[in-house]
Amino acid sequence: MENYTFPPIGDMEMPADFPHKAVFQRGRPRHEKFDDFWRKHPTMDPAHRAKLFAPFDALRGFDFAVHKKEIAYYNKIVPGEDELCELSRRLSILHACTKTARMARENHVHARVTYFIPCSDEDNFAYGLKGRYETAQGVVAFVDEHAGMLGIGAQKIALSDILAIDAENGLFDIDPESEVS
């Protein structure tokens, strides 16, 4: 046995004092189907075996950070004079319908409000410069012109961020000239 050279481990020769020589020489274990070992440890099907090697989130939060960078941000649209007048008219109609909480419940005005949300991600180039537009839909709870807020559903939206307001029941279809007379 002293003259025996062991097969190489990788690119190097196995040292003579290698502690696991006997295990290495036996080679990979072979098991016949339905022997004692196979009954205790049956072969895993490929679908379950693939889950062992599935990717995992090694950098916690990295996917979320990458996803935040994919959000498209735009410059805030500044409405023209005509759009501002129409928006003001619609807000005053909503304010008249929701002066008190009781009136808001009775009138039950459904509206859709498109508004600007500034970028809040401090790591994004658009922070403080750009934002995105969202649409809130629901029952208008209040229009507070002094605080500059509109309540729709559970959201509070700044009046300065509103781009457009539409009502489902044709509330704004009233001719502005007929209101004055």
Foldseek 3Di string as FASTA:
>chain_A
DVPDWDDPDVPHGDDPVNPCVVVVVVPDDDDDPPDPVCVVPPDDDPVVVVVVVDDDCPPPCPVVVVVLQPDDWDAQDDDDPVQVVLLVVVLVLVQVQQVDQVSLVVVQWKKKWKFWDQDPDPPYPRHPGTTDIDIDIARWRHQDVVVQWTDGDNDIDGVVGTRDMDTDVCSSVDDPVVVVD
